[in-house]
Amino acid sequence: MENYLEISRASDLPKLRERWLYRFFEILPGALSLTTLSFALLFSWLKPVWVAFFIIPLCLYWALKVIYLSLYQVTCFRRMKKNLKVDWQKKLEDVRHWQNIYQLVILPMYQEDWGVVKETLESLKDSIYPKDRMIIVLAQEERAGEKVREIAEVAGKEYGDCFYRFLTTCHPKDIEGEAIGKGSNVAFAGKEAKKLIDELKIPYQNVIISNFDIDTKVSPQYFLCLTYHYLTSENRLRSSFQPIPVYHNNIWQAPAFSRVVATSNTFWQMMQQERPEQAVTYSSHSMPFKTFLEVGYPHNLVPDDSRIFWKSFFKYDGDYRVVPLYYPLSMDVVDASSFFKTFVNQYKQQRRWAWGCTEIPYLLFGFLKNKKIPLRKRIFHSFIALEGFWSWACASILILFLGWLPLLLGGEEFNVTILAYNLPRLTGRIMTFAMFGMVCAIILNILHLPPRPKGISPLKNLSMIFQWLFLPPVLIIFGSLPALDAQVRLMFGKYMEFWNTPKVRKNLKETEDSPL
């Protein structure tokens, strides 16, 4: 029965009946979104009164939801600030045998510059954790070319003696059954790390593996905080540990629209920390190495960071969870050498994230296969996944346009009614009420900004406030559209390959004595 854990698409299933069922589940997300938007357009023309009475409670629902989630966001922010002040080393003194825990950090890289890699390795070196309990794996790709191998060689020379072990791996290209991307690289690096850990005779349950993007910079006490939560969790071998991704590495250099996208994503992850029953591993995260080996890291699909959670969830019959750390990691905002390239890269990154809609057929099919998972959990997670991706694709479009569509398409008979006169005013007032969420976002963003680098004008502080004026178009261009794009591709079986977001730091300039 566990063969279903390895499914990446409908064609992986040998039985025709199951293949058609899985294909139906692949079509479902896009069909729901397109049907919703088509009906909204059609009924705005044929039944404008119906649409008017639909959009008013919808706007009210979303306004209340924004306020509700904003309170979660504020609560998480306060917990994060509190955790940053905690002396985690002192707290660990009361935990037995914490010194026996090893940190295995895998850093998958593609064609990133040495400056990006160096900053990440520096943050690991500066972290407050016994370095004789840290194993770093720089996981390069054979397909990336000679430059990456040169970077790995330099990294080994500069940082090889800073940790207990520093390992470089080279993931071979064109392995049958693998998908190009981060997941297959991490899976290969994990197997290589296992050989080293077996050689060192370290018990698997004493190793925490952290799968970090190459631009991930850790806060000084991150591994102390992680170790404390790992050792004090009720069922640590059935848990993943999720920090908060904060996009601060290059936030002062990135354009306003990409800052809004990145900060909005941070705030969403903060809200999820307050709702662990809905949380799924995302981007940089940590888990027990024993579990990593038992489950097997996904190597045949794009959204590996969420799939490892769901694969573990099914492997252990629903007995798996995410433990929120309320602790930040710093990562890159999307940026490029020009405004247009940044725009394109931001869209492609959002579309890759939205490709997580492939988890819907995986979940629905898995819930039919695994009857050991309680029915309540199966219904709950199915609804959360469907509603989440439907909202991602449709909610912003409906809220921003549906208040006006009946007026544009409903005809003169509708436009002369009192309802038509009051509709845009009423929806506008309701959504003005929802501005509470934007105000919270502005305040929290300002409170948590890193210091402004030298050479950046003080006027840039104002742009950090006024950037939120871009939120409505950002929600459409970098929210709904890439989500619809991904869902329609899945609907028609046009499976996406992994797209690696280029890491560009406009302030990173190699010094004359740089080894590269």
Protein backbone atom coordinates (compact mmCIF):
# COMPACT_ATOMS: atom_id res chain seq x y z
CA MET A 1 0.00 0.00 0.00
CA GLU A 2 2.91 2.38 0.69
CA ASN A 3 3.68 2.63 -3.04
CA TYR A 4 1.32 5.63 -3.14
CA LEU A 5 3.83 7.59 -1.03
CA GLU A 6 6.13 7.93 -4.06
CA ILE A 7 3.53 9.27 -6.53
CA SER A 8 4.44 12.49 -8.33
CA ARG A 9 1.79 12.42 -11.10
CA ALA A 10 -1.06 10.29 -12.41
CA SER A 11 1.11 8.41 -14.89
CA ASP A 12 3.08 6.87 -11.98
CA LEU A 13 0.12 4.62 -11.17
CA PRO A 14 0.05 1.25 -12.97
CA LYS A 15 -3.69 0.61 -12.63
CA LEU A 16 -5.88 2.45 -15.16
CA ARG A 17 -8.72 3.04 -12.68
CA GLU A 18 -6.41 4.60 -10.11
CA ARG A 19 -4.66 6.62 -12.79
CA TRP A 20 -7.96 8.15 -13.92
CA LEU A 21 -8.94 8.87 -10.31
CA TYR A 22 -5.63 10.62 -9.63
CA ARG A 23 -6.00 12.54 -12.89
CA PHE A 24 -9.45 13.72 -11.76
CA PHE A 25 -7.89 15.00 -8.53
CA GLU A 26 -5.24 16.84 -10.61
CA ILE A 27 -7.96 18.57 -12.61
CA LEU A 28 -10.00 19.49 -9.54
CA PRO A 29 -8.09 22.61 -8.24
CA GLY A 30 -8.02 24.36 -11.62
CA ALA A 31 -11.62 23.34 -12.40
CA LEU A 32 -12.86 24.83 -9.10
CA SER A 33 -11.02 28.11 -9.64
CA LEU A 34 -11.96 28.55 -13.30
CA THR A 35 -15.60 27.60 -12.62
CA THR A 36 -15.79 30.17 -9.81
CA LEU A 37 -14.40 33.00 -11.96
CA SER A 38 -16.47 32.01 -15.00
CA PHE A 39 -19.68 31.94 -12.97
CA ALA A 40 -18.80 35.30 -11.41
CA LEU A 41 -18.45 36.80 -14.90
CA LEU A 42 -21.52 35.09 -16.31
CA PHE A 43 -23.83 35.84 -13.41
CA SER A 44 -22.69 39.48 -13.28
CA TRP A 45 -24.30 39.71 -16.73
CA LEU A 46 -27.31 37.41 -16.30
CA LYS A 47 -28.10 37.75 -12.58
CA PRO A 48 -26.39 40.89 -11.27
CA VAL A 49 -28.64 41.01 -8.18
CA TRP A 50 -27.51 37.51 -7.18
CA VAL A 51 -23.88 38.54 -7.53
CA ALA A 52 -24.47 41.69 -5.49
CA PHE A 53 -25.97 39.70 -2.63
CA PHE A 54 -23.05 37.25 -2.89
CA ILE A 55 -20.20 39.74 -2.90
CA ILE A 56 -21.39 41.69 0.17
CA PRO A 57 -21.14 38.73 2.62
CA LEU A 58 -17.95 37.58 0.84
CA CYS A 59 -16.28 40.95 1.47
CA LEU A 60 -17.53 40.93 5.07
CA TYR A 61 -16.17 37.40 5.56
CA TRP A 62 -12.74 38.35 4.21
CA ALA A 63 -12.62 41.57 6.22
CA LEU A 64 -13.28 39.63 9.42
CA LYS A 65 -10.79 36.93 8.37
CA VAL A 66 -8.09 39.55 7.73
CA ILE A 67 -8.60 41.01 11.20
CA TYR A 68 -8.65 37.54 12.75
CA LEU A 69 -5.41 36.51 11.01
CA SER A 70 -3.78 39.86 11.80
CA LEU A 71 -4.29 39.18 15.50
CA TYR A 72 -2.48 35.85 14.99
CA GLN A 73 0.28 37.75 13.22
CA VAL A 74 0.70 40.20 16.10
CA THR A 75 0.73 37.37 18.65
CA CYS A 76 3.38 35.45 16.69
CA PHE A 77 5.49 38.60 16.30
CA ARG A 78 5.46 39.13 20.06
CA ARG A 79 6.46 35.50 20.66
CA MET A 80 9.25 35.76 18.14
CA LYS A 81 10.65 38.92 19.74
CA LYS A 82 10.44 37.23 23.13
CA ASN A 83 12.25 34.12 21.87
CA LEU A 84 15.02 36.26 20.40
CA LYS A 85 15.73 37.56 23.91
CA VAL A 86 15.78 34.12 25.55
CA ASP A 87 19.13 32.66 26.61
CA TRP A 88 18.57 29.25 25.01
CA GLN A 89 21.93 27.93 26.17
CA LYS A 90 20.89 28.54 29.76
CA LYS A 91 17.56 26.82 29.14
CA LEU A 92 19.36 23.81 27.71
CA GLU A 93 21.36 23.40 30.92
CA ASP A 94 18.23 21.89 32.44
CA VAL A 95 17.84 19.40 29.57
CA ARG A 96 19.77 16.16 29.91
CA HIS A 97 22.27 15.06 27.27
CA TRP A 98 21.65 18.01 24.93
CA GLN A 99 25.38 18.04 24.13
CA ASN A 100 24.87 14.70 22.36
CA ILE A 101 22.71 16.28 19.66
CA TYR A 102 24.40 16.86 16.30
CA GLN A 103 23.25 19.44 13.75
CA LEU A 104 23.38 18.21 10.16
CA VAL A 105 22.86 21.16 7.80
CA ILE A 106 22.34 20.53 4.08
CA LEU A 107 22.84 23.54 1.79
CA PRO A 108 21.70 22.69 -1.76
CA MET A 109 23.15 25.13 -4.30
CA TYR A 110 22.97 25.60 -8.05
CA GLN A 111 24.73 28.60 -9.64
CA GLU A 112 24.81 31.07 -6.76
CA ASP A 113 27.77 33.43 -6.41
CA TRP A 114 30.47 32.92 -3.80
CA GLY A 115 29.25 35.97 -1.87
CA VAL A 116 25.86 34.35 -1.22
CA VAL A 117 27.44 31.05 -0.13
CA LYS A 118 30.02 32.82 2.05
CA GLU A 119 27.38 34.83 3.94
CA THR A 120 25.45 31.66 4.74
CA LEU A 121 28.55 29.79 5.92
CA GLU A 122 29.63 32.79 8.00
CA SER A 123 26.27 32.80 9.79
CA LEU A 124 26.67 29.08 10.55
CA LYS A 125 30.20 29.65 11.83
CA ASP A 126 29.00 32.51 14.05
CA SER A 127 26.07 30.53 15.45
CA ILE A 128 26.20 29.73 19.16
CA TYR A 129 26.35 25.95 19.11
CA PRO A 130 29.25 23.57 19.80
CA LYS A 131 31.05 23.37 16.46
CA ASP A 132 32.18 19.82 17.25
CA ARG A 133 28.50 18.90 16.98
CA MET A 134 27.88 20.52 13.59
CA ILE A 135 28.14 18.75 10.22
CA ILE A 136 27.76 20.95 7.14
CA VAL A 137 26.99 19.55 3.70
CA LEU A 138 27.41 21.84 0.70
CA ALA A 139 25.34 20.03 -1.91
CA GLN A 140 26.26 21.09 -5.44
CA GLU A 141 24.81 20.03 -8.80
CA GLU A 142 26.85 18.44 -11.57
CA ARG A 143 24.68 20.23 -14.12
CA ALA A 144 25.71 23.62 -12.66
CA GLY A 145 29.17 23.48 -14.25
CA GLU A 146 32.76 24.08 -13.21
CA LYS A 147 32.23 27.37 -11.33
CA VAL A 148 30.20 25.66 -8.63
CA ARG A 149 32.91 23.08 -8.06
CA GLU A 150 35.42 25.90 -7.64
CA ILE A 151 33.15 27.49 -5.03
CA ALA A 152 32.84 24.18 -3.19
CA GLU A 153 36.63 23.82 -3.16
CA VAL A 154 37.13 27.34 -1.77
CA ALA A 155 34.37 26.81 0.82
CA GLY A 156 36.07 23.64 1.99
CA LYS A 157 39.41 25.42 2.40
CA GLU A 158 37.93 28.39 4.28
CA TYR A 159 35.37 26.59 6.45
CA GLY A 160 36.45 22.94 6.51
CA ASP A 161 38.09 23.33 9.92
CA CYS A 162 35.28 25.41 11.45
CA PHE A 163 32.94 22.48 12.03
CA TYR A 164 33.07 18.86 13.14
CA ARG A 165 32.81 17.81 9.50
CA PHE A 166 32.46 19.80 6.28
CA LEU A 167 31.27 17.68 3.38
CA THR A 168 30.78 18.65 -0.27
CA THR A 169 28.61 16.47 -2.49
CA CYS A 170 27.97 16.61 -6.24
CA HIS A 171 24.56 15.40 -7.31
CA PRO A 172 24.89 13.59 -10.68
CA LYS A 173 22.66 14.80 -13.49
CA ASP A 174 20.13 12.76 -15.47
CA ILE A 175 19.44 10.07 -12.86
CA GLU A 176 16.45 8.05 -14.02
CA GLY A 177 13.28 8.68 -12.02
CA GLU A 178 14.48 11.96 -10.54
CA ALA A 179 13.11 15.45 -11.08
CA ILE A 180 15.56 18.29 -11.65
CA GLY A 181 15.63 20.52 -8.59
CA LYS A 182 16.33 20.97 -4.93
CA GLY A 183 14.54 17.82 -3.75
CA SER A 184 16.66 15.33 -5.68
CA ASN A 185 19.83 17.17 -4.62
CA VAL A 186 18.86 17.06 -0.93
CA ALA A 187 17.89 13.38 -1.18
CA PHE A 188 21.32 12.56 -2.66
CA ALA A 189 23.17 14.70 -0.10
CA GLY A 190 21.25 13.01 2.72
CA LYS A 191 22.40 9.58 1.54
CA GLU A 192 26.01 10.78 1.41
CA ALA A 193 25.69 12.26 4.89
CA LYS A 194 24.33 8.93 6.15
CA LYS A 195 27.57 7.23 5.09
CA LEU A 196 29.56 9.74 7.13
CA ILE A 197 27.28 9.44 10.17
CA ASP A 198 27.47 5.65 10.00
CA GLU A 199 31.26 5.90 9.85
CA LEU A 200 31.24 8.17 12.91
CA LYS A 201 28.81 5.79 14.68
CA ILE A 202 26.41 8.59 15.65
CA PRO A 203 22.90 7.34 16.55
CA TYR A 204 20.36 8.67 14.04
CA GLN A 205 18.02 9.91 16.79
CA ASN A 206 20.85 12.16 17.99
CA VAL A 207 20.98 14.02 14.67
CA ILE A 208 18.71 16.87 13.57
CA ILE A 209 18.84 17.53 9.84
CA SER A 210 18.16 21.06 8.61
CA ASN A 211 17.35 21.50 4.95
CA PHE A 212 18.25 25.14 4.19
CA ASP A 213 18.12 27.16 1.00
CA ILE A 214 21.59 28.41 0.09
CA ASP A 215 20.67 32.01 1.02
CA THR A 216 19.51 31.05 4.53
CA LYS A 217 21.27 32.92 7.32
CA VAL A 218 20.65 31.61 10.82
CA SER A 219 20.15 33.74 13.90
CA PRO A 220 22.94 33.14 16.45
CA GLN A 221 20.89 30.97 18.81
CA TYR A 222 18.82 29.14 16.19
CA PHE A 223 20.34 25.69 16.75
CA LEU A 224 20.10 26.06 20.54
CA CYS A 225 16.41 26.93 20.19
CA LEU A 226 15.91 24.05 17.75
CA THR A 227 17.66 21.57 20.06
CA TYR A 228 15.58 22.68 23.04
CA HIS A 229 12.33 22.18 21.14
CA TYR A 230 13.53 18.85 19.76
CA LEU A 231 14.43 17.42 23.18
CA THR A 232 11.34 18.76 24.96
CA SER A 233 8.77 17.85 22.29
CA GLU A 234 6.29 15.19 23.29
CA ASN A 235 6.94 13.05 20.20
CA ARG A 236 10.07 14.45 18.59
CA LEU A 237 10.57 11.62 16.07
CA ARG A 238 7.12 12.41 14.63
CA SER A 239 7.72 16.14 14.28
CA SER A 240 9.22 18.66 11.89
CA PHE A 241 10.45 21.99 13.24
CA GLN A 242 9.56 25.15 11.37
CA PRO A 243 11.25 28.54 11.85
CA ILE A 244 9.87 31.79 10.44
CA PRO A 245 11.36 32.79 7.06
CA VAL A 246 12.15 36.50 7.17
CA TYR A 247 13.35 38.01 3.89
CA HIS A 248 15.91 40.50 5.15
CA ASN A 249 19.23 39.65 3.48
CA ASN A 250 18.79 42.21 0.69
CA ILE A 251 15.52 43.91 1.56
CA TRP A 252 16.96 47.44 1.36
CA GLN A 253 18.17 46.88 -2.22
CA ALA A 254 15.11 45.09 -3.65
CA PRO A 255 12.27 46.96 -5.44
CA ALA A 256 9.06 47.77 -3.60
CA PHE A 257 6.78 45.17 -5.22
CA SER A 258 9.14 42.26 -4.43
CA ARG A 259 9.48 43.51 -0.85
CA VAL A 260 5.69 43.44 -0.50
CA VAL A 261 5.53 39.89 -1.86
CA ALA A 262 8.33 38.68 0.44
CA THR A 263 7.00 40.42 3.55
CA SER A 264 3.47 39.16 2.88
CA ASN A 265 4.85 35.63 2.72
CA THR A 266 6.64 36.13 6.03
CA PHE A 267 3.44 37.36 7.64
CA TRP A 268 1.52 34.36 6.29
CA GLN A 269 4.10 31.99 7.80
CA MET A 270 3.81 33.86 11.10
CA MET A 271 0.06 33.27 11.06
CA GLN A 272 0.66 29.58 10.38
CA GLN A 273 2.90 29.36 13.46
CA GLU A 274 -0.21 30.21 15.47
CA ARG A 275 -2.18 27.49 13.68
CA PRO A 276 0.10 24.44 13.91
CA GLU A 277 -2.78 22.09 13.15
CA GLN A 278 -2.73 23.54 9.61
CA ALA A 279 1.00 24.10 9.27
CA VAL A 280 3.12 22.29 6.68
CA THR A 281 6.90 22.44 6.35
CA TYR A 282 8.02 25.28 4.11
CA SER A 283 11.33 26.30 2.57
CA SER A 284 14.08 26.01 5.23
CA HIS A 285 13.06 23.60 7.99
CA SER A 286 14.42 20.88 10.30
CA MET A 287 13.47 17.30 11.20
CA PRO A 288 14.91 14.20 12.92
CA PHE A 289 17.49 12.47 10.73
CA LYS A 290 16.03 9.10 11.75
CA THR A 291 12.67 10.18 10.29
CA PHE A 292 14.37 11.61 7.21
CA LEU A 293 15.87 8.19 6.48
CA GLU A 294 12.76 6.17 7.32
CA VAL A 295 10.46 8.25 5.12
CA GLY A 296 12.90 8.98 2.28
CA TYR A 297 13.27 12.54 1.04
CA PRO A 298 11.21 13.28 -2.14
CA HIS A 299 13.41 13.19 -5.23
CA ASN A 300 10.86 13.06 -8.06
CA LEU A 301 8.90 16.31 -7.85
CA VAL A 302 9.15 20.09 -7.42
CA PRO A 303 7.45 20.96 -4.07
CA ASP A 304 9.76 18.84 -1.91
CA ASP A 305 9.51 21.00 1.22
CA SER A 306 5.77 20.37 1.66
CA ARG A 307 5.88 16.82 0.27
CA ILE A 308 8.30 15.61 2.94
CA PHE A 309 5.70 16.62 5.54
CA TRP A 310 2.81 14.88 3.79
CA LYS A 311 4.89 11.84 3.02
CA SER A 312 5.76 11.58 6.73
CA PHE A 313 2.11 12.22 7.63
CA PHE A 314 1.00 9.23 5.54
CA LYS A 315 3.97 7.04 6.54
CA TYR A 316 3.00 7.34 10.20
CA ASP A 317 -0.78 7.14 9.62
CA GLY A 318 -1.47 10.78 10.47
CA ASP A 319 0.81 10.83 13.54
CA TYR A 320 3.03 13.65 12.33
CA ARG A 321 3.03 17.39 12.98
CA VAL A 322 4.88 20.67 12.62
CA VAL A 323 6.31 22.25 15.77
CA PRO A 324 6.53 26.06 15.41
CA LEU A 325 9.78 27.54 16.68
CA TYR A 326 8.76 31.21 16.72
CA TYR A 327 12.32 31.92 15.67
CA PRO A 328 13.48 33.65 12.46
CA LEU A 329 15.80 32.71 9.62
CA SER A 330 16.88 35.39 7.17
CA MET A 331 16.59 34.81 3.42
CA ASP A 332 16.68 36.77 0.13
CA VAL A 333 14.02 38.95 -1.43
CA VAL A 334 13.73 38.32 -5.18
CA ASP A 335 15.96 40.78 -7.01
CA ALA A 336 17.75 40.96 -10.35
CA SER A 337 19.94 43.23 -12.44
CA SER A 338 16.93 45.11 -13.87
CA PHE A 339 13.34 45.91 -12.92
CA PHE A 340 11.94 43.73 -15.72
CA LYS A 341 14.07 40.71 -14.76
CA THR A 342 13.02 41.12 -11.13
CA PHE A 343 9.38 41.24 -12.22
CA VAL A 344 9.73 38.05 -14.28
CA ASN A 345 11.71 36.23 -11.58
CA GLN A 346 9.17 37.16 -8.93
CA TYR A 347 6.33 35.80 -11.05
CA LYS A 348 8.22 32.56 -11.74
CA GLN A 349 9.00 32.08 -8.06
CA GLN A 350 5.35 32.58 -7.09
CA ARG A 351 4.26 30.15 -9.80
CA ARG A 352 6.72 27.56 -8.48
CA TRP A 353 5.34 28.00 -4.98
CA ALA A 354 1.79 27.79 -6.35
CA TRP A 355 2.79 24.49 -7.98
CA GLY A 356 2.21 23.17 -4.49
CA CYS A 357 -1.34 22.59 -5.80
CA THR A 358 0.07 19.19 -6.84
CA GLU A 359 -0.26 18.26 -3.16
CA ILE A 360 -4.07 18.26 -3.52
CA PRO A 361 -4.28 15.10 -5.68
CA TYR A 362 -1.56 13.51 -3.54
CA LEU A 363 -3.57 14.21 -0.39
CA LEU A 364 -6.97 13.17 -1.71
CA PHE A 365 -5.61 9.96 -3.22
CA GLY A 366 -3.59 9.20 -0.10
CA PHE A 367 -6.61 9.70 2.14
CA LEU A 368 -8.51 7.13 0.08
CA LYS A 369 -5.62 4.68 0.39
CA ASN A 370 -4.78 5.10 4.07
CA LYS A 371 -7.87 4.35 6.15
CA LYS A 372 -5.82 4.27 9.37
CA ILE A 373 -5.81 8.08 9.45
CA PRO A 374 -8.88 9.28 11.42
CA LEU A 375 -11.72 10.44 9.19
CA ARG A 376 -11.84 13.80 10.95
CA LYS A 377 -8.20 14.48 10.02
CA ARG A 378 -8.77 13.40 6.42
CA ILE A 379 -11.75 15.73 5.99
CA PHE A 380 -10.01 18.62 7.78
CA HIS A 381 -6.80 18.53 5.73
CA SER A 382 -8.67 17.97 2.45
CA PHE A 383 -10.80 21.06 3.07
CA ILE A 384 -7.84 23.20 4.18
CA ALA A 385 -5.84 22.28 1.05
CA LEU A 386 -8.71 22.85 -1.39
CA GLU A 387 -9.87 26.07 0.26
CA GLY A 388 -6.33 27.41 0.52
CA PHE A 389 -5.43 27.00 -3.16
CA TRP A 390 -8.90 28.13 -4.27
CA SER A 391 -8.53 31.31 -2.18
CA TRP A 392 -5.02 31.87 -3.52
CA ALA A 393 -6.31 31.86 -7.09
CA CYS A 394 -9.73 33.48 -6.71
CA ALA A 395 -10.19 35.55 -3.55
CA SER A 396 -8.25 38.68 -4.61
CA ILE A 397 -9.90 38.78 -8.05
CA LEU A 398 -13.41 38.36 -6.61
CA ILE A 399 -12.95 40.99 -3.91
CA LEU A 400 -11.27 43.60 -6.13
CA PHE A 401 -13.51 43.25 -9.20
CA LEU A 402 -16.81 41.64 -8.27
CA GLY A 403 -18.13 44.81 -6.65
CA TRP A 404 -17.92 46.51 -10.07
CA LEU A 405 -18.69 43.73 -12.54
CA PRO A 406 -22.49 43.78 -12.00
CA LEU A 407 -22.44 47.51 -12.75
CA LEU A 408 -20.45 46.99 -15.95
CA LEU A 409 -22.30 43.93 -17.20
CA GLY A 410 -25.70 44.02 -15.46
CA GLY A 411 -27.34 46.42 -17.87
CA GLU A 412 -29.39 49.56 -17.38
CA GLU A 413 -32.19 47.77 -15.54
CA PHE A 414 -29.82 46.84 -12.71
CA ASN A 415 -27.81 50.07 -12.75
CA VAL A 416 -30.85 52.22 -11.88
CA THR A 417 -31.54 50.24 -8.68
CA ILE A 418 -30.62 51.38 -5.19
CA LEU A 419 -28.62 48.17 -4.80
CA ALA A 420 -26.44 49.09 -7.78
CA TYR A 421 -25.85 52.56 -6.37
CA ASN A 422 -24.83 51.26 -2.93
CA LEU A 423 -22.90 48.14 -3.98
CA PRO A 424 -19.46 49.70 -4.66
CA ARG A 425 -19.83 52.04 -1.70
CA LEU A 426 -20.77 49.26 0.71
CA THR A 427 -18.04 46.86 -0.46
CA GLY A 428 -15.55 49.73 -0.39
CA ARG A 429 -16.40 50.53 3.23
CA ILE A 430 -16.17 46.90 4.25
CA MET A 431 -12.73 46.54 2.66
CA THR A 432 -11.63 49.84 4.24
CA PHE A 433 -12.46 48.16 7.53
CA ALA A 434 -10.08 45.38 6.47
CA MET A 435 -7.27 47.97 6.20
CA PHE A 436 -6.60 47.03 9.82
CA GLY A 437 -4.58 44.15 8.41
CA MET A 438 -2.46 46.48 6.27
CA VAL A 439 -1.83 48.81 9.21
CA CYS A 440 -0.63 45.83 11.27
CA ALA A 441 1.63 44.78 8.40
CA ILE A 442 3.16 48.26 8.11
CA ILE A 443 3.84 48.56 11.85
CA LEU A 444 5.31 45.06 12.21
CA ASN A 445 7.41 45.51 9.09
CA ILE A 446 8.93 48.73 10.43
CA LEU A 447 9.54 47.22 13.89
CA HIS A 448 11.43 44.24 12.46
CA LEU A 449 13.45 45.87 9.67
CA PRO A 450 17.21 45.31 9.83
CA PRO A 451 19.41 48.42 10.13
CA ARG A 452 19.61 50.51 6.95
CA PRO A 453 22.97 49.85 5.22
CA LYS A 454 25.41 52.65 4.56
CA GLY A 455 24.81 54.38 1.26
CA ILE A 456 21.01 53.91 1.40
CA SER A 457 19.07 57.17 1.59
CA PRO A 458 16.96 57.78 4.74
CA LEU A 459 14.06 58.40 2.35
CA LYS A 460 14.06 54.64 1.77
CA ASN A 461 12.38 54.33 5.17
CA LEU A 462 9.35 56.12 3.72
CA SER A 463 9.23 53.69 0.83
CA MET A 464 8.97 50.85 3.37
CA ILE A 465 5.64 52.40 4.38
CA PHE A 466 4.28 53.50 1.01
CA GLN A 467 5.23 50.17 -0.60
CA TRP A 468 1.98 48.77 0.80
CA LEU A 469 0.05 50.89 -1.70
CA PHE A 470 1.16 48.24 -4.21
CA LEU A 471 -0.65 45.51 -2.27
CA PRO A 472 -3.84 45.34 -4.43
CA PRO A 473 -2.03 44.86 -7.78
CA VAL A 474 0.56 42.61 -6.09
CA LEU A 475 -2.23 40.33 -4.85
CA ILE A 476 -3.43 39.91 -8.44
CA ILE A 477 -0.16 39.86 -10.41
CA PHE A 478 1.94 37.84 -7.97
CA GLY A 479 -0.88 36.03 -6.18
CA SER A 480 -3.93 35.05 -8.20
CA LEU A 481 -2.32 34.93 -11.66
CA PRO A 482 0.59 32.57 -10.88
CA ALA A 483 -1.77 30.42 -8.80
CA LEU A 484 -4.18 30.14 -11.73
CA ASP A 485 -1.23 29.53 -14.06
CA ALA A 486 -0.03 26.60 -11.95
CA GLN A 487 -3.49 25.11 -11.50
CA VAL A 488 -4.31 25.29 -15.21
CA ARG A 489 -0.97 23.67 -16.08
CA LEU A 490 -1.76 20.83 -13.68
CA MET A 491 -5.28 20.63 -15.07
CA PHE A 492 -3.97 19.99 -18.60
CA GLY A 493 -1.08 17.78 -17.50
CA LYS A 494 1.64 20.34 -18.34
CA TYR A 495 3.88 19.41 -15.42
CA MET A 496 6.34 22.07 -14.31
CA GLU A 497 10.04 21.54 -13.73
CA PHE A 498 11.93 23.15 -10.88
CA TRP A 499 12.89 26.77 -11.47
CA ASN A 500 15.78 27.99 -9.35
CA THR A 501 15.35 31.59 -8.19
CA PRO A 502 18.58 33.51 -9.00
CA LYS A 503 20.17 35.05 -5.92
CA VAL A 504 21.39 38.55 -6.77
CA ARG A 505 22.84 40.94 -4.21
CA LYS A 506 23.45 44.36 -5.72
CA ASN A 507 25.64 45.27 -2.76
CA LEU A 508 27.78 42.14 -3.02
CA LYS A 509 31.08 42.94 -4.73
CA GLU A 510 34.00 40.59 -4.61
CA THR A 511 37.11 42.06 -3.07
CA GLU A 512 40.39 42.12 -4.96
CA ASP A 513 41.76 39.27 -2.85
CA SER A 514 38.67 37.09 -3.40
CA PRO A 515 39.60 33.48 -4.20
CA LEU A 516 37.12 33.44 -7.09
